[in-house]
Amino acid sequence: MSPSPSMARPADGPGARRSRAGTLHAWLPKLVLAPSVAISLFFVYGFMLWTFILSLTNSRMLPSYEFVGFAQYARLMTNDRWWVASSNLVVFGGLFVAICLVLGLLLAILLDQRIRQEGALRTVYLYPMALSFIVTGVVWKWLLNPGLGIQAMVRGWGFEEFRFDWLVDPDMAVYTLVIAAVWQASGFVMALFLAGLRGIDDSILKAAQLDGASLPRVYWRVVIPCLRPVVFSAVMILSHIAIKSFDLVVALTGGGPGYATDLPATFMYTHAFTRAQVGLGSASAMLMLGGVLAILIPYLYSELRSRRHG
């Protein structure tokens, strides 16, 4: 016996339609995002996995799947050029992060005083961050060129004994990378600190000043401790920039003189793509990834912990 129309009608009533609409609204964002998520998983994490596999093989000009275990990592540990690149990263990264933090904080404190033309100054400080590291490297290569830049200009003023030839000095060339990178990134750090300063309750500062604390002491004892999350975020971002620095080195020094300004990123590119040592280059890439994760995981742990207790 077939059901009558009156018996079938409740299944298509307003409640059922709302249920189907709710299901569609719940699944539609997932369906829209699914292709991009799948592509990201394949082209990001998939290639990370492939790089790790290659680091365990004897790959040279082309990928090979002759597994040699951790032999490439052992070769890397005995490679003098890798240790030069790693020591350069310690010097470059340490100075880059420290100077950017100090300079960015000072600039933020200056702008926090509600000075005139704050908008114009903020634009001037932030403008370098809008440039690519290639442009920054080329500009600073001109400025630091002994025959064209600062040294030539000062000698043209009559100071014939003046020397500023760091760009061609193997012992000092790595510091030219620090100069260019700080010039570009310090404005971004300033913006982070300025946002943090503007988020601090003014009543805390007024209470400290009523207690007789001077302005420098207020900033040192009250304001800067409140900026710890901003400092942590800035350190993570700057460290990540330092570890993966490649284009700045290529444009400014080319890794020279010799390989005095090699960084792990340029070491990886040189060995993987110009010296036909894909396995060794993959091993160095995995160590770079390990350095990024060593910075990222504590940051994520701190964020999750603060949200859990918050």
C-alpha atoms as a PDB file:
ATOM      1  CA  MET A   1       0.000   0.000   0.000  1.00  0.00           C
ATOM      2  CA  SER A   2       1.607   3.282  -1.051  1.00  0.00           C
ATOM      3  CA  PRO A   3       1.722   6.124   1.479  1.00  0.00           C
ATOM      4  CA  SER A   4      -0.724   8.907   0.973  1.00  0.00           C
ATOM      5  CA  PRO A   5       0.538  12.454   0.114  1.00  0.00           C
ATOM      6  CA  SER A   6      -0.516  13.634   3.555  1.00  0.00           C
ATOM      7  CA  MET A   7       1.754  11.019   5.166  1.00  0.00           C
ATOM      8  CA  ALA A   8       4.822  11.951   2.967  1.00  0.00           C
ATOM      9  CA  ARG A   9       4.458  15.696   3.362  1.00  0.00           C
ATOM     10  CA  PRO A  10       5.912  16.017   6.919  1.00  0.00           C
ATOM     11  CA  ALA A  11       9.266  14.630   5.720  1.00  0.00           C
ATOM     12  CA  ASP A  12       9.650  17.683   3.488  1.00  0.00           C
ATOM     13  CA  GLY A  13       8.391  20.129   6.029  1.00  0.00           C
ATOM     14  CA  PRO A  14      10.166  23.260   7.359  1.00  0.00           C
ATOM     15  CA  GLY A  15      12.127  21.283   9.957  1.00  0.00           C
ATOM     16  CA  ALA A  16      13.646  18.941   7.375  1.00  0.00           C
ATOM     17  CA  ARG A  17      14.522  21.810   5.051  1.00  0.00           C
ATOM     18  CA  ARG A  18      16.234  23.657   7.913  1.00  0.00           C
ATOM     19  CA  SER A  19      18.167  20.509   8.772  1.00  0.00           C
ATOM     20  CA  ARG A  20      19.396  20.099   5.181  1.00  0.00           C
ATOM     21  CA  ALA A  21      20.282  23.802   4.988  1.00  0.00           C
ATOM     22  CA  GLY A  22      22.210  23.524   8.253  1.00  0.00           C
ATOM     23  CA  THR A  23      24.114  20.506   6.973  1.00  0.00           C
ATOM     24  CA  LEU A  24      24.945  22.345   3.731  1.00  0.00           C
ATOM     25  CA  HIS A  25      26.146  25.429   5.643  1.00  0.00           C
ATOM     26  CA  ALA A  26      28.322  23.235   7.863  1.00  0.00           C
ATOM     27  CA  TRP A  27      29.971  21.360   4.988  1.00  0.00           C
ATOM     28  CA  LEU A  28      30.179  24.114   2.368  1.00  0.00           C
ATOM     29  CA  PRO A  29      33.274  25.875   3.875  1.00  0.00           C
ATOM     30  CA  LYS A  30      35.040  22.523   4.187  1.00  0.00           C
ATOM     31  CA  LEU A  31      34.250  21.636   0.579  1.00  0.00           C
ATOM     32  CA  VAL A  32      35.469  25.040  -0.633  1.00  0.00           C
ATOM     33  CA  LEU A  33      38.722  24.825   1.353  1.00  0.00           C
ATOM     34  CA  ALA A  34      39.405  21.155   0.607  1.00  0.00           C
ATOM     35  CA  PRO A  35      41.234  21.706  -2.738  1.00  0.00           C
ATOM     36  CA  SER A  36      43.576  24.380  -1.343  1.00  0.00           C
ATOM     37  CA  VAL A  37      44.263  22.288   1.764  1.00  0.00           C
ATOM     38  CA  ALA A  38      45.045  19.246  -0.378  1.00  0.00           C
ATOM     39  CA  ILE A  39      47.350  21.283  -2.617  1.00  0.00           C
ATOM     40  CA  SER A  40      49.126  22.747   0.428  1.00  0.00           C
ATOM     41  CA  LEU A  41      49.575  19.314   1.973  1.00  0.00           C
ATOM     42  CA  PHE A  42      51.071  17.986  -1.253  1.00  0.00           C
ATOM     43  CA  PHE A  43      53.291  20.879  -2.285  1.00  0.00           C
ATOM     44  CA  VAL A  44      54.474  21.865   1.220  1.00  0.00           C
ATOM     45  CA  TYR A  45      54.484  18.850   3.495  1.00  0.00           C
ATOM     46  CA  GLY A  46      54.768  16.377   0.642  1.00  0.00           C
ATOM     47  CA  PHE A  47      57.929  18.025  -0.621  1.00  0.00           C
ATOM     48  CA  MET A  48      59.293  18.257   2.914  1.00  0.00           C
ATOM     49  CA  LEU A  49      58.896  14.495   3.166  1.00  0.00           C
ATOM     50  CA  TRP A  50      60.487  14.020  -0.269  1.00  0.00           C
ATOM     51  CA  THR A  51      63.430  16.207   0.738  1.00  0.00           C
ATOM     52  CA  PHE A  52      63.928  14.100   3.853  1.00  0.00           C
ATOM     53  CA  ILE A  53      63.871  10.934   1.735  1.00  0.00           C
ATOM     54  CA  LEU A  54      66.436  12.422  -0.664  1.00  0.00           C
ATOM     55  CA  SER A  55      68.659  13.315   2.285  1.00  0.00           C
ATOM     56  CA  LEU A  56      68.890   9.596   3.048  1.00  0.00           C
ATOM     57  CA  THR A  57      69.960   8.688  -0.494  1.00  0.00           C
ATOM     58  CA  ASN A  58      73.068   8.978  -2.622  1.00  0.00           C
ATOM     59  CA  SER A  59      71.387  11.470  -4.998  1.00  0.00           C
ATOM     60  CA  ARG A  60      73.718  13.585  -7.083  1.00  0.00           C
ATOM     61  CA  MET A  61      72.618  15.468 -10.205  1.00  0.00           C
ATOM     62  CA  LEU A  62      69.245  13.692 -10.304  1.00  0.00           C
ATOM     63  CA  PRO A  63      67.250  12.063  -7.505  1.00  0.00           C
ATOM     64  CA  SER A  64      68.324   8.524  -6.750  1.00  0.00           C
ATOM     65  CA  TYR A  65      66.756   6.096  -4.333  1.00  0.00           C
ATOM     66  CA  GLU A  66      69.914   4.254  -3.339  1.00  0.00           C
ATOM     67  CA  PHE A  67      69.522   4.646   0.413  1.00  0.00           C
ATOM     68  CA  VAL A  68      72.670   5.319   2.414  1.00  0.00           C
ATOM     69  CA  GLY A  69      71.088   6.100   5.771  1.00  0.00           C
ATOM     70  CA  PHE A  70      72.478   9.173   7.501  1.00  0.00           C
ATOM     71  CA  ALA A  71      75.711   9.215   5.496  1.00  0.00           C
ATOM     72  CA  GLN A  72      74.850  12.590   3.947  1.00  0.00           C
ATOM     73  CA  TYR A  73      74.436  14.101   7.413  1.00  0.00           C
ATOM     74  CA  ALA A  74      77.824  12.662   8.397  1.00  0.00           C
ATOM     75  CA  ARG A  75      79.360  14.238   5.270  1.00  0.00           C
ATOM     76  CA  LEU A  76      77.720  17.515   6.192  1.00  0.00           C
ATOM     77  CA  MET A  77      79.272  17.468   9.647  1.00  0.00           C
ATOM     78  CA  THR A  78      82.746  17.110   8.129  1.00  0.00           C
ATOM     79  CA  ASN A  79      82.218  19.799   5.467  1.00  0.00           C
ATOM     80  CA  ASP A  80      84.224  22.939   6.293  1.00  0.00           C
ATOM     81  CA  ARG A  81      81.997  25.126   4.159  1.00  0.00           C
ATOM     82  CA  TRP A  82      78.918  24.014   6.120  1.00  0.00           C
ATOM     83  CA  TRP A  83      80.564  25.023   9.380  1.00  0.00           C
ATOM     84  CA  VAL A  84      81.500  28.405   7.894  1.00  0.00           C
ATOM     85  CA  ALA A  85      77.855  28.870   6.834  1.00  0.00           C
ATOM     86  CA  SER A  86      76.610  27.794  10.272  1.00  0.00           C
ATOM     87  CA  SER A  87      78.984  30.118  12.140  1.00  0.00           C
ATOM     88  CA  ASN A  88      77.997  32.946   9.807  1.00  0.00           C
ATOM     89  CA  LEU A  89      74.355  32.252  10.626  1.00  0.00           C
ATOM     90  CA  VAL A  90      75.097  32.496  14.358  1.00  0.00           C
ATOM     91  CA  VAL A  91      76.845  35.854  13.877  1.00  0.00           C
ATOM     92  CA  PHE A  92      74.365  37.224  11.367  1.00  0.00           C
ATOM     93  CA  GLY A  93      71.265  35.915  13.120  1.00  0.00           C
ATOM     94  CA  GLY A  94      72.375  36.963  16.605  1.00  0.00           C
ATOM     95  CA  LEU A  95      73.280  40.522  15.610  1.00  0.00           C
ATOM     96  CA  PHE A  96      70.293  40.857  13.293  1.00  0.00           C
ATOM     97  CA  VAL A  97      67.764  39.824  15.934  1.00  0.00           C
ATOM     98  CA  ALA A  98      69.381  41.796  18.785  1.00  0.00           C
ATOM     99  CA  ILE A  99      69.867  45.050  16.851  1.00  0.00           C
ATOM    100  CA  CYS A 100      66.391  44.905  15.318  1.00  0.00           C
ATOM    101  CA  LEU A 101      64.825  44.409  18.759  1.00  0.00           C
ATOM    102  CA  VAL A 102      66.733  47.291  20.357  1.00  0.00           C
ATOM    103  CA  LEU A 103      66.333  49.674  17.431  1.00  0.00           C
ATOM    104  CA  GLY A 104      62.683  48.754  16.878  1.00  0.00           C
ATOM    105  CA  LEU A 105      61.894  49.277  20.572  1.00  0.00           C
ATOM    106  CA  LEU A 106      63.630  52.670  20.656  1.00  0.00           C
ATOM    107  CA  LEU A 107      61.814  53.840  17.533  1.00  0.00           C
ATOM    108  CA  ALA A 108      58.497  52.634  18.947  1.00  0.00           C
ATOM    109  CA  ILE A 109      59.086  54.464  22.226  1.00  0.00           C
ATOM    110  CA  LEU A 110      59.962  57.604  20.262  1.00  0.00           C
ATOM    111  CA  LEU A 111      56.747  57.449  18.239  1.00  0.00           C
ATOM    112  CA  ASP A 112      54.740  56.605  21.364  1.00  0.00           C
ATOM    113  CA  GLN A 113      55.452  60.097  22.690  1.00  0.00           C
ATOM    114  CA  ARG A 114      52.792  61.448  20.274  1.00  0.00           C
ATOM    115  CA  ILE A 115      55.332  63.544  18.420  1.00  0.00           C
ATOM    116  CA  ARG A 116      54.426  65.635  15.401  1.00  0.00           C
ATOM    117  CA  GLN A 117      54.506  64.048  11.965  1.00  0.00           C
ATOM    118  CA  GLU A 118      54.195  60.626  13.547  1.00  0.00           C
ATOM    119  CA  GLY A 119      52.425  59.268  10.467  1.00  0.00           C
ATOM    120  CA  ALA A 120      55.176  60.454   8.132  1.00  0.00           C
ATOM    121  CA  LEU A 121      57.926  59.007  10.334  1.00  0.00           C
ATOM    122  CA  ARG A 122      56.101  55.714  10.675  1.00  0.00           C
ATOM    123  CA  THR A 123      55.849  55.505   6.888  1.00  0.00           C
ATOM    124  CA  VAL A 124      59.560  56.255   6.499  1.00  0.00           C
ATOM    125  CA  TYR A 125      60.519  53.548   8.983  1.00  0.00           C
ATOM    126  CA  LEU A 126      58.138  50.979   7.493  1.00  0.00           C
ATOM    127  CA  TYR A 127      58.955  51.673   3.838  1.00  0.00           C
ATOM    128  CA  PRO A 128      62.049  49.402   3.656  1.00  0.00           C
ATOM    129  CA  MET A 129      59.906  46.412   4.631  1.00  0.00           C
ATOM    130  CA  ALA A 130      57.891  46.923   1.442  1.00  0.00           C
ATOM    131  CA  LEU A 131      61.019  46.236  -0.615  1.00  0.00           C
ATOM    132  CA  SER A 132      62.273  42.795  -1.508  1.00  0.00           C
ATOM    133  CA  PHE A 133      65.603  41.612  -0.144  1.00  0.00           C
ATOM    134  CA  ILE A 134      66.905  41.584  -3.719  1.00  0.00           C
ATOM    135  CA  VAL A 135      66.348  45.344  -4.008  1.00  0.00           C
ATOM    136  CA  THR A 136      67.827  45.899  -0.554  1.00  0.00           C
ATOM    137  CA  GLY A 137      70.891  43.841  -1.446  1.00  0.00           C
ATOM    138  CA  VAL A 138      71.494  45.694  -4.732  1.00  0.00           C
ATOM    139  CA  VAL A 139      71.128  49.142  -3.124  1.00  0.00           C
ATOM    140  CA  TRP A 140      73.462  48.333  -0.249  1.00  0.00           C
ATOM    141  CA  LYS A 141      75.931  46.747  -2.654  1.00  0.00           C
ATOM    142  CA  TRP A 142      76.234  50.154  -4.330  1.00  0.00           C
ATOM    143  CA  LEU A 143      76.480  51.990  -1.020  1.00  0.00           C
ATOM    144  CA  LEU A 144      79.157  49.670   0.398  1.00  0.00           C
ATOM    145  CA  ASN A 145      81.192  49.363  -2.795  1.00  0.00           C
ATOM    146  CA  PRO A 146      84.600  50.902  -1.923  1.00  0.00           C
ATOM    147  CA  GLY A 147      84.930  52.482  -5.360  1.00  0.00           C
ATOM    148  CA  LEU A 148      81.407  53.887  -5.635  1.00  0.00           C
ATOM    149  CA  GLY A 149      79.717  54.205  -2.272  1.00  0.00           C
ATOM    150  CA  ILE A 150      80.392  55.546   1.208  1.00  0.00           C
ATOM    151  CA  GLN A 151      84.170  55.149   1.100  1.00  0.00           C
ATOM    152  CA  ALA A 152      84.474  56.968  -2.240  1.00  0.00           C
ATOM    153  CA  MET A 153      82.134  59.737  -1.069  1.00  0.00           C
ATOM    154  CA  VAL A 154      84.012  60.389   2.189  1.00  0.00           C
ATOM    155  CA  ARG A 155      87.362  60.320   0.393  1.00  0.00           C
ATOM    156  CA  GLY A 156      85.936  62.819  -2.071  1.00  0.00           C
ATOM    157  CA  TRP A 157      85.370  65.162   0.870  1.00  0.00           C
ATOM    158  CA  GLY A 158      89.127  65.113   1.516  1.00  0.00           C
ATOM    159  CA  PHE A 159      89.458  62.277   4.043  1.00  0.00           C
ATOM    160  CA  GLU A 160      91.870  60.204   1.955  1.00  0.00           C
ATOM    161  CA  GLU A 161      92.706  57.772   4.769  1.00  0.00           C
ATOM    162  CA  PHE A 162      89.075  56.782   5.368  1.00  0.00           C
ATOM    163  CA  ARG A 163      88.362  53.084   4.756  1.00  0.00           C
ATOM    164  CA  PHE A 164      85.061  51.265   4.681  1.00  0.00           C
ATOM    165  CA  ASP A 165      85.762  48.222   2.527  1.00  0.00           C
ATOM    166  CA  TRP A 166      83.833  45.616   4.510  1.00  0.00           C
ATOM    167  CA  LEU A 167      82.205  44.332   1.337  1.00  0.00           C
ATOM    168  CA  VAL A 168      85.529  42.981   0.026  1.00  0.00           C
ATOM    169  CA  ASP A 169      87.020  42.050   3.406  1.00  0.00           C
ATOM    170  CA  PRO A 170      86.447  38.328   4.183  1.00  0.00           C
ATOM    171  CA  ASP A 171      86.530  38.989   7.944  1.00  0.00           C
ATOM    172  CA  MET A 172      83.986  41.836   7.838  1.00  0.00           C
ATOM    173  CA  ALA A 173      81.735  40.993   4.879  1.00  0.00           C
ATOM    174  CA  VAL A 174      79.191  39.134   7.018  1.00  0.00           C
ATOM    175  CA  TYR A 175      78.516  42.366   8.912  1.00  0.00           C
ATOM    176  CA  THR A 176      77.380  44.034   5.690  1.00  0.00           C
ATOM    177  CA  LEU A 177      74.547  41.498   5.642  1.00  0.00           C
ATOM    178  CA  VAL A 178      73.624  42.609   9.165  1.00  0.00           C
ATOM    179  CA  ILE A 179      73.569  46.287   8.130  1.00  0.00           C
ATOM    180  CA  ALA A 180      71.280  45.689   5.152  1.00  0.00           C
ATOM    181  CA  ALA A 181      68.958  43.283   6.984  1.00  0.00           C
ATOM    182  CA  VAL A 182      68.577  45.565  10.018  1.00  0.00           C
ATOM    183  CA  TRP A 183      67.800  48.519   7.747  1.00  0.00           C
ATOM    184  CA  GLN A 184      64.966  46.545   6.179  1.00  0.00           C
ATOM    185  CA  ALA A 185      63.441  44.754   9.172  1.00  0.00           C
ATOM    186  CA  SER A 186      63.772  47.216  12.068  1.00  0.00           C
ATOM    187  CA  GLY A 187      60.748  49.225  10.901  1.00  0.00           C
ATOM    188  CA  PHE A 188      58.590  46.114  11.001  1.00  0.00           C
ATOM    189  CA  VAL A 189      59.737  45.384  14.556  1.00  0.00           C
ATOM    190  CA  MET A 190      58.984  49.002  15.432  1.00  0.00           C
ATOM    191  CA  ALA A 191      55.404  48.518  14.207  1.00  0.00           C
ATOM    192  CA  LEU A 192      55.015  45.415  16.387  1.00  0.00           C
ATOM    193  CA  PHE A 193      56.298  47.216  19.483  1.00  0.00           C
ATOM    194  CA  LEU A 194      54.232  50.331  18.748  1.00  0.00           C
ATOM    195  CA  ALA A 195      51.069  48.236  18.550  1.00  0.00           C
ATOM    196  CA  GLY A 196      52.022  46.637  21.866  1.00  0.00           C
ATOM    197  CA  LEU A 197      52.685  50.016  23.485  1.00  0.00           C
ATOM    198  CA  ARG A 198      49.361  51.389  22.306  1.00  0.00           C
ATOM    199  CA  GLY A 199      47.634  48.384  23.852  1.00  0.00           C
ATOM    200  CA  ILE A 200      48.951  49.060  27.384  1.00  0.00           C
ATOM    201  CA  ASP A 201      46.465  50.694  29.734  1.00  0.00           C
ATOM    202  CA  ASP A 202      47.402  54.342  30.338  1.00  0.00           C
ATOM    203  CA  SER A 203      46.234  54.105  33.952  1.00  0.00           C
ATOM    204  CA  ILE A 204      49.193  51.806  34.740  1.00  0.00           C
ATOM    205  CA  LEU A 205      51.656  54.394  33.419  1.00  0.00           C
ATOM    206  CA  LYS A 206      49.939  57.246  35.256  1.00  0.00           C
ATOM    207  CA  ALA A 207      49.958  55.290  38.512  1.00  0.00           C
ATOM    208  CA  ALA A 208      53.682  54.621  38.170  1.00  0.00           C
ATOM    209  CA  GLN A 209      54.389  58.300  37.463  1.00  0.00           C
ATOM    210  CA  LEU A 210      52.294  59.345  40.475  1.00  0.00           C
ATOM    211  CA  ASP A 211      54.496  57.097  42.600  1.00  0.00           C
ATOM    212  CA  GLY A 212      57.461  59.217  41.513  1.00  0.00           C
ATOM    213  CA  ALA A 213      58.956  56.976  38.823  1.00  0.00           C
ATOM    214  CA  SER A 214      60.770  58.747  36.003  1.00  0.00           C
ATOM    215  CA  LEU A 215      59.756  58.104  32.397  1.00  0.00           C
ATOM    216  CA  PRO A 216      62.792  55.879  31.605  1.00  0.00           C
ATOM    217  CA  ARG A 217      62.142  53.884  34.779  1.00  0.00           C
ATOM    218  CA  VAL A 218      58.455  53.504  33.879  1.00  0.00           C
ATOM    219  CA  TYR A 219      59.390  52.049  30.519  1.00  0.00           C
ATOM    220  CA  TRP A 220      62.091  49.790  31.971  1.00  0.00           C
ATOM    221  CA  ARG A 221      60.133  48.488  34.973  1.00  0.00           C
ATOM    222  CA  VAL A 222      56.541  48.565  33.727  1.00  0.00           C
ATOM    223  CA  VAL A 223      56.193  48.885  29.972  1.00  0.00           C
ATOM    224  CA  ILE A 224      58.880  46.542  28.644  1.00  0.00           C
ATOM    225  CA  PRO A 225      57.828  43.601  30.893  1.00  0.00           C
ATOM    226  CA  CYS A 226      54.302  44.012  29.477  1.00  0.00           C
ATOM    227  CA  LEU A 227      55.738  43.589  25.979  1.00  0.00           C
ATOM    228  CA  ARG A 228      57.077  40.065  26.519  1.00  0.00           C
ATOM    229  CA  PRO A 229      54.575  38.460  24.079  1.00  0.00           C
ATOM    230  CA  VAL A 230      55.555  41.021  21.426  1.00  0.00           C
ATOM    231  CA  VAL A 231      59.254  40.382  22.054  1.00  0.00           C
ATOM    232  CA  PHE A 232      58.729  36.638  21.732  1.00  0.00           C
ATOM    233  CA  SER A 233      56.795  37.057  18.472  1.00  0.00           C
ATOM    234  CA  ALA A 234      59.429  39.425  17.066  1.00  0.00           C
ATOM    235  CA  VAL A 235      62.251  37.025  17.962  1.00  0.00           C
ATOM    236  CA  MET A 236      60.448  34.160  16.260  1.00  0.00           C
ATOM    237  CA  ILE A 237      59.801  36.147  13.066  1.00  0.00           C
ATOM    238  CA  LEU A 238      63.318  37.593  12.882  1.00  0.00           C
ATOM    239  CA  SER A 239      64.947  34.237  13.572  1.00  0.00           C
ATOM    240  CA  HIS A 240      62.904  32.661  10.806  1.00  0.00           C
ATOM    241  CA  ILE A 241      63.995  35.427   8.409  1.00  0.00           C
ATOM    242  CA  ALA A 242      67.642  34.923   9.391  1.00  0.00           C
ATOM    243  CA  ILE A 243      67.590  31.146   8.927  1.00  0.00           C
ATOM    244  CA  LYS A 244      66.073  31.284   5.449  1.00  0.00           C
ATOM    245  CA  SER A 245      68.029  34.326   4.223  1.00  0.00           C
ATOM    246  CA  PHE A 246      69.075  33.664   0.653  1.00  0.00           C
ATOM    247  CA  ASP A 247      68.174  36.500  -1.725  1.00  0.00           C
ATOM    248  CA  LEU A 248      69.902  39.173   0.382  1.00  0.00           C
ATOM    249  CA  VAL A 249      73.165  37.201   0.338  1.00  0.00           C
ATOM    250  CA  VAL A 250      72.950  36.545  -3.396  1.00  0.00           C
ATOM    251  CA  ALA A 251      72.260  40.194  -4.225  1.00  0.00           C
ATOM    252  CA  LEU A 252      74.709  41.786  -1.778  1.00  0.00           C
ATOM    253  CA  THR A 253      77.768  39.528  -1.568  1.00  0.00           C
ATOM    254  CA  GLY A 254      77.034  36.451  -3.664  1.00  0.00           C
ATOM    255  CA  GLY A 255      78.359  34.433  -0.729  1.00  0.00           C
ATOM    256  CA  GLY A 256      81.815  35.967  -1.122  1.00  0.00           C
ATOM    257  CA  PRO A 257      84.548  36.951  -0.908  1.00  0.00           C
ATOM    258  CA  GLY A 258      85.159  33.256  -1.545  1.00  0.00           C
ATOM    259  CA  TYR A 259      82.451  31.750   0.633  1.00  0.00           C
ATOM    260  CA  ALA A 260      83.041  34.053   3.616  1.00  0.00           C
ATOM    261  CA  THR A 261      79.368  35.118   3.715  1.00  0.00           C
ATOM    262  CA  ASP A 262      77.805  31.752   2.984  1.00  0.00           C
ATOM    263  CA  LEU A 263      74.666  30.995   4.973  1.00  0.00           C
ATOM    264  CA  PRO A 264      72.919  27.599   5.184  1.00  0.00           C
ATOM    265  CA  ALA A 265      70.374  28.631   2.536  1.00  0.00           C
ATOM    266  CA  THR A 266      73.073  29.537   0.000  1.00  0.00           C
ATOM    267  CA  PHE A 267      75.031  26.403   0.924  1.00  0.00           C
ATOM    268  CA  MET A 268      71.960  24.284   0.230  1.00  0.00           C
ATOM    269  CA  TYR A 269      71.261  25.958  -3.112  1.00  0.00           C
ATOM    270  CA  THR A 270      74.876  25.739  -4.261  1.00  0.00           C
ATOM    271  CA  HIS A 271      75.279  22.047  -3.494  1.00  0.00           C
ATOM    272  CA  ALA A 272      71.817  20.941  -4.621  1.00  0.00           C
ATOM    273  CA  PHE A 273      71.581  22.879  -7.889  1.00  0.00           C
ATOM    274  CA  THR A 274      75.077  23.875  -9.057  1.00  0.00           C
ATOM    275  CA  ARG A 275      77.375  21.192  -7.629  1.00  0.00           C
ATOM    276  CA  ALA A 276      75.169  18.181  -8.403  1.00  0.00           C
ATOM    277  CA  GLN A 277      74.993  17.004  -4.780  1.00  0.00           C
ATOM    278  CA  VAL A 278      71.250  16.778  -4.246  1.00  0.00           C
ATOM    279  CA  GLY A 279      71.569  14.410  -1.282  1.00  0.00           C
ATOM    280  CA  LEU A 280      73.937  16.704   0.597  1.00  0.00           C
ATOM    281  CA  GLY A 281      71.817  19.751  -0.212  1.00  0.00           C
ATOM    282  CA  SER A 282      68.700  17.946   1.037  1.00  0.00           C
ATOM    283  CA  ALA A 283      70.450  17.088   4.295  1.00  0.00           C
ATOM    284  CA  SER A 284      71.346  20.740   4.835  1.00  0.00           C
ATOM    285  CA  ALA A 285      67.747  21.738   4.047  1.00  0.00           C
ATOM    286  CA  MET A 286      66.460  19.344   6.708  1.00  0.00           C
ATOM    287  CA  LEU A 287      68.822  20.834   9.302  1.00  0.00           C
ATOM    288  CA  MET A 288      67.500  24.289   8.376  1.00  0.00           C
ATOM    289  CA  LEU A 289      63.956  22.990   8.842  1.00  0.00           C
ATOM    290  CA  GLY A 290      65.006  21.656  12.240  1.00  0.00           C
ATOM    291  CA  GLY A 291      66.241  25.126  13.181  1.00  0.00           C
ATOM    292  CA  VAL A 292      62.905  26.681  12.184  1.00  0.00           C
ATOM    293  CA  LEU A 293      60.979  24.058  14.162  1.00  0.00           C
ATOM    294  CA  ALA A 294      63.201  24.654  17.201  1.00  0.00           C
ATOM    295  CA  ILE A 295      61.943  28.239  17.154  1.00  0.00           C
ATOM    296  CA  LEU A 296      58.348  27.576  16.112  1.00  0.00           C
ATOM    297  CA  ILE A 297      57.450  24.754  18.508  1.00  0.00           C
ATOM    298  CA  PRO A 298      58.221  26.691  21.750  1.00  0.00           C
ATOM    299  CA  TYR A 299      56.224  29.623  20.358  1.00  0.00           C
ATOM    300  CA  LEU A 300      53.200  27.455  19.580  1.00  0.00           C
ATOM    301  CA  TYR A 301      53.496  25.739  22.969  1.00  0.00           C
ATOM    302  CA  SER A 302      53.559  29.115  24.702  1.00  0.00           C
ATOM    303  CA  GLU A 303      50.526  30.334  22.740  1.00  0.00           C
ATOM    304  CA  LEU A 304      48.493  27.204  23.450  1.00  0.00           C
ATOM    305  CA  ARG A 305      49.446  27.275  27.118  1.00  0.00           C
ATOM    306  CA  SER A 306      48.459  30.947  27.499  1.00  0.00           C
ATOM    307  CA  ARG A 307      45.094  30.297  25.821  1.00  0.00           C
ATOM    308  CA  ARG A 308      44.458  27.281  28.032  1.00  0.00           C
ATOM    309  CA  HIS A 309      45.101  29.283  31.194  1.00  0.00           C
ATOM    310  CA  GLY A 310      43.426  32.399  29.803  1.00  0.00           C
END
